[in-house]
Amino acid sequence: MSSQKGNVARSRPQKHQNAFSFRNDKFDTSVQTKKINAKLHDGVCQHCKQVLEWRVKYSKYKPLSKPKKCVKCLQKTVKDSYHMICRSCACELEVCAKCGKKEEIVIPISNKLEKTADVESNEISNCRRRNRKFEEQSSDELDFDLDLNESEDEEQDNLRSYTKTKSASMKT
């Protein structure tokens, strides 16, 4: 038995060996998985970056549904999963946004990316508001002012021209 006291040497190789490595996007091709795989982990130390990359690699990373509270400024501004300090406080204090330790930051936080993300989120919310307004208007007023006679006339003209070309090609 392998659990026998003093038996430390194995006499056989490992029974099940992996033929290929795990891929988190092999069967799950959702938009959320693509976003998670494309996410850049900036503003964290080397150890925290490796932890986050491991979570992404083995499908253990769960994105936040709503912002968390920052432990420094006590505002709901933490938008990254597994982080405890918001981007602005982490940049100000020069600490890791995940563990809060004052270590070397591997990829510094870029403010341009944050601004573009805010602009994109504002555009998405504006689109949602417009869609809601449109749905409310369309449900209130049903507008059936289509002129079907014009489309029928166009179809008849197209049919006439087609028959003329067909008859001309038959004669030759």
Protein backbone atom coordinates (compact mmCIF):
# COMPACT_ATOMS: atom_id res chain seq x y z
CA MET A 1 0.00 0.00 0.00
CA SER A 2 1.14 3.54 -0.70
CA SER A 3 -0.02 4.70 2.75
CA GLN A 4 2.03 2.04 4.50
CA LYS A 5 4.36 3.45 7.17
CA GLY A 6 7.85 3.96 5.81
CA ASN A 7 6.91 3.21 2.20
CA VAL A 8 8.15 6.35 0.45
CA ALA A 9 9.43 4.95 -2.84
CA ARG A 10 6.87 4.36 -5.62
CA SER A 11 7.42 1.34 -7.76
CA ARG A 12 5.21 2.45 -10.66
CA PRO A 13 4.67 5.66 -12.65
CA GLN A 14 1.68 7.94 -12.30
CA LYS A 15 -1.49 6.19 -13.46
CA HIS A 16 -3.32 9.08 -15.15
CA GLN A 17 -1.21 11.55 -17.10
CA ASN A 18 -2.65 14.60 -18.82
CA ALA A 19 -2.33 14.39 -22.58
CA PHE A 20 -3.12 18.11 -23.01
CA SER A 21 -3.34 21.17 -20.77
CA PHE A 22 -6.59 22.74 -19.62
CA ARG A 23 -7.96 25.58 -21.78
CA ASN A 24 -10.63 27.83 -20.30
CA ASP A 25 -11.96 28.89 -23.70
CA LYS A 26 -12.16 25.48 -25.37
CA PHE A 27 -15.91 24.96 -24.85
CA ASP A 28 -16.91 28.22 -23.15
CA THR A 29 -16.81 30.80 -25.95
CA SER A 30 -19.01 33.38 -24.21
CA VAL A 31 -18.40 37.12 -24.35
CA GLN A 32 -17.68 37.18 -20.62
CA THR A 33 -14.90 34.59 -20.97
CA LYS A 34 -13.35 36.57 -23.82
CA LYS A 35 -13.39 39.74 -21.70
CA ILE A 36 -11.82 37.92 -18.76
CA ASN A 37 -9.07 36.46 -20.96
CA ALA A 38 -8.33 39.87 -22.49
CA LYS A 39 -8.21 41.70 -19.14
CA LEU A 40 -4.95 43.42 -18.28
CA HIS A 41 -4.02 43.07 -14.58
CA ASP A 42 -2.36 46.40 -13.83
CA GLY A 43 -1.61 48.12 -10.55
CA VAL A 44 -0.69 44.89 -8.71
CA CYS A 45 2.55 43.32 -7.49
CA GLN A 46 4.16 40.28 -9.16
CA HIS A 47 2.67 37.74 -6.73
CA CYS A 48 -0.87 39.11 -7.03
CA LYS A 49 -0.53 39.26 -10.82
CA GLN A 50 0.41 35.56 -10.88
CA VAL A 51 -2.54 34.72 -8.62
CA LEU A 52 -4.97 36.58 -10.89
CA GLU A 53 -3.49 34.97 -14.02
CA TRP A 54 -3.89 31.52 -12.43
CA ARG A 55 -7.54 32.29 -11.66
CA VAL A 56 -8.13 33.33 -15.27
CA LYS A 57 -6.26 30.33 -16.68
CA TYR A 58 -8.29 27.77 -14.74
CA SER A 59 -11.70 29.51 -14.98
CA LYS A 60 -11.78 30.53 -11.32
CA TYR A 61 -11.92 34.30 -11.99
CA LYS A 62 -15.32 35.83 -11.19
CA PRO A 63 -15.84 39.44 -12.30
CA LEU A 64 -17.58 41.91 -10.01
CA SER A 65 -21.23 42.64 -10.71
CA LYS A 66 -21.13 46.00 -8.91
CA PRO A 67 -18.28 48.12 -7.47
CA LYS A 68 -16.86 47.34 -4.03
CA LYS A 69 -15.88 49.76 -1.29
CA CYS A 70 -12.25 50.92 -1.21
CA VAL A 71 -10.54 50.40 2.15
CA LYS A 72 -8.65 53.71 1.86
CA CYS A 73 -11.21 56.26 0.64
CA LEU A 74 -14.34 54.29 1.68
CA GLN A 75 -16.04 55.01 -1.67
CA LYS A 76 -17.58 52.36 -3.91
CA THR A 77 -14.88 52.72 -6.57
CA VAL A 78 -13.20 49.29 -6.69
CA LYS A 79 -14.21 47.89 -10.07
CA ASP A 80 -11.71 45.02 -10.37
CA SER A 81 -12.32 41.60 -8.83
CA TYR A 82 -10.20 40.53 -5.87
CA HIS A 83 -8.91 44.09 -5.36
CA MET A 84 -9.41 45.99 -2.12
CA ILE A 85 -8.06 49.42 -3.07
CA CYS A 86 -9.38 51.58 -5.91
CA ARG A 87 -7.14 52.59 -8.79
CA SER A 88 -6.78 56.23 -7.73
CA CYS A 89 -5.80 55.39 -4.12
CA ALA A 90 -3.39 52.66 -5.25
CA CYS A 91 -1.75 55.05 -7.69
CA GLU A 92 -1.55 57.82 -5.07
CA LEU A 93 -0.09 55.63 -2.32
CA GLU A 94 1.99 53.47 -4.73
CA VAL A 95 0.73 50.20 -3.23
CA CYS A 96 -0.63 46.99 -4.73
CA ALA A 97 -4.35 47.33 -5.37
CA LYS A 98 -4.99 43.69 -4.42
CA CYS A 99 -2.91 43.03 -1.29
CA GLY A 100 -2.23 46.63 -0.21
CA LYS A 101 1.50 46.03 0.33
CA LYS A 102 4.06 48.59 -0.74
CA GLU A 103 5.83 46.44 -3.31
CA GLU A 104 7.01 46.99 -6.85
CA ILE A 105 4.07 47.35 -9.24
CA VAL A 106 4.60 45.20 -12.35
CA ILE A 107 2.32 47.09 -14.75
CA PRO A 108 1.54 50.63 -13.59
CA ILE A 109 -2.03 51.88 -13.74
CA SER A 110 -2.70 53.93 -16.86
CA ASN A 111 -5.27 56.68 -16.41
CA LYS A 112 -6.09 56.72 -20.14
CA LEU A 113 -7.52 53.20 -19.98
CA GLU A 114 -9.66 54.13 -16.99
CA LYS A 115 -11.03 57.22 -18.74
CA THR A 116 -11.87 55.26 -21.90
CA ALA A 117 -13.58 52.59 -19.80
CA ASP A 118 -15.67 55.29 -18.09
CA VAL A 119 -16.58 56.80 -21.46
CA GLU A 120 -17.59 53.36 -22.80
CA SER A 121 -19.72 52.62 -19.73
CA ASN A 122 -21.42 56.03 -20.10
CA GLU A 123 -22.12 55.32 -23.78
CA ILE A 124 -23.61 51.93 -22.92
CA SER A 125 -25.85 53.43 -20.24
CA ASN A 126 -26.96 56.17 -22.67
CA CYS A 127 -27.83 53.51 -25.26
CA ARG A 128 -29.86 51.61 -22.67
CA ARG A 129 -31.74 54.78 -21.75
CA ARG A 130 -32.48 55.49 -25.42
CA ASN A 131 -33.72 51.93 -25.92
CA ARG A 132 -36.04 52.21 -22.93
CA LYS A 133 -37.43 55.52 -24.23
CA PHE A 134 -37.93 54.03 -27.68
CA GLU A 135 -39.70 50.99 -26.25
CA GLU A 136 -41.98 53.22 -24.19
CA GLN A 137 -42.81 55.36 -27.22
CA SER A 138 -43.36 52.39 -29.49
CA SER A 139 -45.64 50.71 -26.97
CA ASP A 140 -47.67 53.91 -26.51
CA GLU A 141 -48.10 54.74 -30.19
CA LEU A 142 -48.31 52.19 -32.94
CA ASP A 143 -47.49 53.84 -36.24
CA PHE A 144 -48.68 52.10 -39.42
CA ASP A 145 -48.17 54.80 -42.05
CA LEU A 146 -46.52 52.55 -44.62
CA ASP A 147 -47.37 53.03 -48.26
CA LEU A 148 -47.64 49.52 -49.64
CA ASN A 149 -48.69 50.67 -53.12
CA GLU A 150 -45.23 52.07 -53.87
CA SER A 151 -43.51 48.77 -53.13
CA GLU A 152 -46.04 46.87 -55.28
CA ASP A 153 -45.45 49.26 -58.20
CA GLU A 154 -41.68 48.76 -57.90
CA GLU A 155 -42.10 44.98 -57.90
CA GLN A 156 -44.26 45.13 -61.03
CA ASP A 157 -41.69 47.33 -62.81
CA ASN A 158 -38.92 44.90 -61.86
CA LEU A 159 -40.98 41.97 -63.13
CA ARG A 160 -41.66 43.73 -66.47
CA SER A 161 -37.99 44.53 -67.01
CA TYR A 162 -37.05 40.95 -66.14
CA THR A 163 -39.54 39.48 -68.63
CA LYS A 164 -38.29 41.87 -71.37
CA THR A 165 -34.67 40.81 -70.85
CA LYS A 166 -35.69 37.16 -70.70
CA SER A 167 -37.67 37.36 -73.96
CA ALA A 168 -34.82 39.26 -75.67
CA SER A 169 -32.31 36.59 -74.64
CA MET A 170 -34.61 33.84 -75.97
CA LYS A 171 -34.86 35.50 -79.40
CA THR A 172 -31.10 35.51 -79.89
